[in-house]
Amino acid sequence: MIDVHTHILPGMDDGSKSVEESIEMLKTLKSQGVNHVVLSSHYYAETESPEKFFERRQKAVSLLAEKLDKSV
């Protein structure tokens, strides 16, 4: 199963507030049979440039990836 609308990246939008919360969300999805997740963060052009958004998103991905292999 694939979840195509998640807010798992920590601190990106109205979803996960921390890496720990992201990991718990992923564990829950896994227990529900989800084996692929699309990281779909909200982007608001009126408050942030695309470059800043991509920079912030990459940082969130890196923070999560550091802990992910050990946790899920």
N, C-alpha and C. Protein backbone atom coordinates (compact mmCIF):
# COMPACT_ATOMS: atom_id res chain seq x y z
N MET A 1 0.84 -1.16 0.00
CA MET A 1 0.00 0.00 0.00
C MET A 1 0.90 1.24 0.00
N ILE A 2 0.42 2.29 -0.64
CA ILE A 2 1.17 3.54 -0.76
C ILE A 2 0.34 4.68 -0.16
N ASP A 3 0.96 5.47 0.70
CA ASP A 3 0.33 6.68 1.23
C ASP A 3 0.93 7.85 0.45
N VAL A 4 0.09 8.53 -0.33
CA VAL A 4 0.60 9.59 -1.20
C VAL A 4 0.40 11.00 -0.63
N HIS A 5 -0.10 11.09 0.57
CA HIS A 5 -0.29 12.42 1.16
C HIS A 5 0.04 12.37 2.64
N THR A 6 1.30 12.59 2.96
CA THR A 6 1.71 12.57 4.36
C THR A 6 2.44 13.85 4.72
N HIS A 7 2.44 14.14 5.97
CA HIS A 7 3.15 15.31 6.49
C HIS A 7 4.13 14.81 7.55
N ILE A 8 5.01 13.95 7.12
CA ILE A 8 5.92 13.25 8.02
C ILE A 8 7.22 13.99 8.23
N LEU A 9 7.63 14.81 7.30
CA LEU A 9 8.90 15.52 7.48
C LEU A 9 8.80 16.47 8.67
N PRO A 10 9.71 16.35 9.62
CA PRO A 10 9.61 17.12 10.85
C PRO A 10 9.77 18.63 10.63
N GLY A 11 8.82 19.39 11.19
CA GLY A 11 8.90 20.84 11.17
C GLY A 11 8.61 21.51 9.85
N MET A 12 8.09 20.78 8.88
CA MET A 12 7.87 21.37 7.56
C MET A 12 6.53 22.09 7.44
N ASP A 13 5.50 21.59 8.05
CA ASP A 13 4.17 22.18 7.89
C ASP A 13 3.30 21.82 9.08
N ASP A 14 2.05 21.49 8.85
CA ASP A 14 1.12 21.20 9.95
C ASP A 14 1.15 19.74 10.40
N GLY A 15 2.18 19.01 10.03
CA GLY A 15 2.31 17.61 10.43
C GLY A 15 3.25 17.43 11.59
N SER A 16 4.19 16.53 11.41
CA SER A 16 5.14 16.17 12.46
C SER A 16 5.92 17.39 12.96
N LYS A 17 6.08 17.45 14.27
CA LYS A 17 6.83 18.54 14.89
C LYS A 17 8.27 18.14 15.24
N SER A 18 8.58 16.83 15.16
CA SER A 18 9.91 16.36 15.55
C SER A 18 10.26 15.07 14.82
N VAL A 19 11.55 14.75 14.82
CA VAL A 19 12.01 13.50 14.22
C VAL A 19 11.35 12.32 14.93
N GLU A 20 11.25 12.39 16.23
CA GLU A 20 10.65 11.30 17.01
C GLU A 20 9.18 11.09 16.62
N GLU A 21 8.46 12.18 16.44
CA GLU A 21 7.06 12.08 16.00
C GLU A 21 6.98 11.49 14.60
N SER A 22 7.89 11.88 13.72
CA SER A 22 7.92 11.33 12.37
C SER A 22 8.13 9.82 12.39
N ILE A 23 9.05 9.37 13.22
CA ILE A 23 9.33 7.94 13.32
C ILE A 23 8.11 7.19 13.83
N GLU A 24 7.43 7.75 14.82
CA GLU A 24 6.21 7.11 15.32
C GLU A 24 5.13 7.05 14.25
N MET A 25 5.01 8.10 13.46
CA MET A 25 4.05 8.12 12.36
C MET A 25 4.38 7.03 11.34
N LEU A 26 5.66 6.88 11.01
CA LEU A 26 6.07 5.85 10.07
C LEU A 26 5.82 4.45 10.62
N LYS A 27 6.06 4.24 11.90
CA LYS A 27 5.79 2.94 12.52
C LYS A 27 4.30 2.62 12.45
N THR A 28 3.46 3.62 12.70
CA THR A 28 2.01 3.41 12.62
C THR A 28 1.60 3.05 11.20
N LEU A 29 2.12 3.78 10.22
CA LEU A 29 1.80 3.47 8.82
C LEU A 29 2.24 2.05 8.47
N LYS A 30 3.43 1.68 8.90
CA LYS A 30 3.94 0.33 8.63
C LYS A 30 3.02 -0.73 9.23
N SER A 31 2.56 -0.50 10.46
CA SER A 31 1.67 -1.47 11.11
C SER A 31 0.32 -1.57 10.41
N GLN A 32 -0.03 -0.55 9.63
CA GLN A 32 -1.29 -0.55 8.88
C GLN A 32 -1.12 -1.11 7.47
N GLY A 33 0.09 -1.58 7.17
CA GLY A 33 0.32 -2.18 5.86
C GLY A 33 0.86 -1.26 4.80
N VAL A 34 1.19 -0.03 5.17
CA VAL A 34 1.75 0.92 4.20
C VAL A 34 3.23 0.60 4.04
N ASN A 35 3.67 0.43 2.78
CA ASN A 35 5.09 0.12 2.54
C ASN A 35 5.79 1.16 1.68
N HIS A 36 5.07 2.18 1.22
CA HIS A 36 5.66 3.30 0.50
C HIS A 36 4.97 4.58 0.96
N VAL A 37 5.77 5.64 1.16
CA VAL A 37 5.23 6.90 1.64
C VAL A 37 5.77 8.03 0.76
N VAL A 38 4.87 8.90 0.31
CA VAL A 38 5.26 10.09 -0.43
C VAL A 38 5.32 11.24 0.57
N LEU A 39 6.47 11.91 0.64
CA LEU A 39 6.66 13.01 1.58
C LEU A 39 6.13 14.29 0.95
N SER A 40 4.89 14.62 1.25
CA SER A 40 4.21 15.72 0.55
C SER A 40 4.00 16.91 1.47
N SER A 41 5.02 17.70 1.61
CA SER A 41 4.93 18.89 2.45
C SER A 41 4.24 20.02 1.72
N HIS A 42 3.55 20.86 2.48
CA HIS A 42 2.91 22.03 1.89
C HIS A 42 3.97 23.08 1.54
N TYR A 43 3.73 23.76 0.43
CA TYR A 43 4.58 24.88 0.02
C TYR A 43 3.69 26.11 -0.14
N TYR A 44 4.08 27.21 0.49
CA TYR A 44 3.31 28.44 0.41
C TYR A 44 4.18 29.53 -0.22
N ALA A 45 3.94 29.81 -1.49
CA ALA A 45 4.76 30.75 -2.26
C ALA A 45 4.75 32.16 -1.68
N GLU A 46 3.69 32.53 -1.00
CA GLU A 46 3.60 33.89 -0.47
C GLU A 46 4.48 34.10 0.77
N THR A 47 4.99 33.03 1.35
CA THR A 47 5.80 33.17 2.55
C THR A 47 7.24 32.68 2.41
N GLU A 48 7.55 31.99 1.30
CA GLU A 48 8.87 31.39 1.19
C GLU A 48 9.25 31.18 -0.27
N SER A 49 10.50 31.41 -0.60
CA SER A 49 10.97 31.16 -1.96
C SER A 49 11.11 29.65 -2.19
N PRO A 50 11.04 29.21 -3.44
CA PRO A 50 11.25 27.78 -3.71
C PRO A 50 12.61 27.31 -3.20
N GLU A 51 13.63 28.12 -3.36
CA GLU A 51 14.98 27.73 -2.92
C GLU A 51 15.02 27.49 -1.41
N LYS A 52 14.42 28.40 -0.66
CA LYS A 52 14.39 28.26 0.81
C LYS A 52 13.59 27.03 1.22
N PHE A 53 12.47 26.80 0.54
CA PHE A 53 11.65 25.62 0.82
C PHE A 53 12.44 24.34 0.57
N PHE A 54 13.11 24.25 -0.58
CA PHE A 54 13.88 23.04 -0.90
C PHE A 54 15.04 22.85 0.08
N GLU A 55 15.65 23.92 0.51
CA GLU A 55 16.73 23.84 1.50
C GLU A 55 16.20 23.31 2.83
N ARG A 56 15.07 23.85 3.26
CA ARG A 56 14.45 23.42 4.52
C ARG A 56 13.98 21.97 4.43
N ARG A 57 13.42 21.60 3.28
CA ARG A 57 12.95 20.22 3.09
C ARG A 57 14.12 19.25 3.11
N GLN A 58 15.22 19.60 2.46
CA GLN A 58 16.39 18.71 2.46
C GLN A 58 16.93 18.52 3.86
N LYS A 59 16.93 19.58 4.65
CA LYS A 59 17.39 19.47 6.04
C LYS A 59 16.49 18.52 6.82
N ALA A 60 15.18 18.63 6.64
CA ALA A 60 14.23 17.74 7.33
C ALA A 60 14.43 16.29 6.89
N VAL A 61 14.64 16.07 5.60
CA VAL A 61 14.88 14.71 5.09
C VAL A 61 16.16 14.15 5.71
N SER A 62 17.20 14.95 5.76
CA SER A 62 18.47 14.49 6.33
C SER A 62 18.35 14.16 7.81
N LEU A 63 17.66 15.00 8.56
CA LEU A 63 17.46 14.73 9.99
C LEU A 63 16.72 13.42 10.21
N LEU A 64 15.67 13.21 9.42
CA LEU A 64 14.89 11.98 9.55
C LEU A 64 15.70 10.77 9.10
N ALA A 65 16.42 10.89 8.00
CA ALA A 65 17.20 9.77 7.46
C ALA A 65 18.27 9.29 8.44
N GLU A 66 18.85 10.21 9.21
CA GLU A 66 19.87 9.84 10.19
C GLU A 66 19.35 8.84 11.21
N LYS A 67 18.09 8.98 11.60
CA LYS A 67 17.49 8.12 12.63
C LYS A 67 16.68 6.98 12.04
N LEU A 68 16.28 7.11 10.81
CA LEU A 68 15.33 6.18 10.21
C LEU A 68 15.82 4.75 10.16
N ASP A 69 17.01 4.51 9.69
CA ASP A 69 17.51 3.14 9.53
C ASP A 69 17.53 2.38 10.85
N LYS A 70 17.69 3.09 11.93
CA LYS A 70 17.81 2.45 13.25
C LYS A 70 16.46 2.24 13.90
N SER A 71 15.40 2.91 13.42
CA SER A 71 14.15 2.95 14.15
C SER A 71 12.99 2.20 13.53
N VAL A 72 12.92 2.15 12.22
CA VAL A 72 11.75 1.56 11.57
C VAL A 72 12.13 0.28 10.89
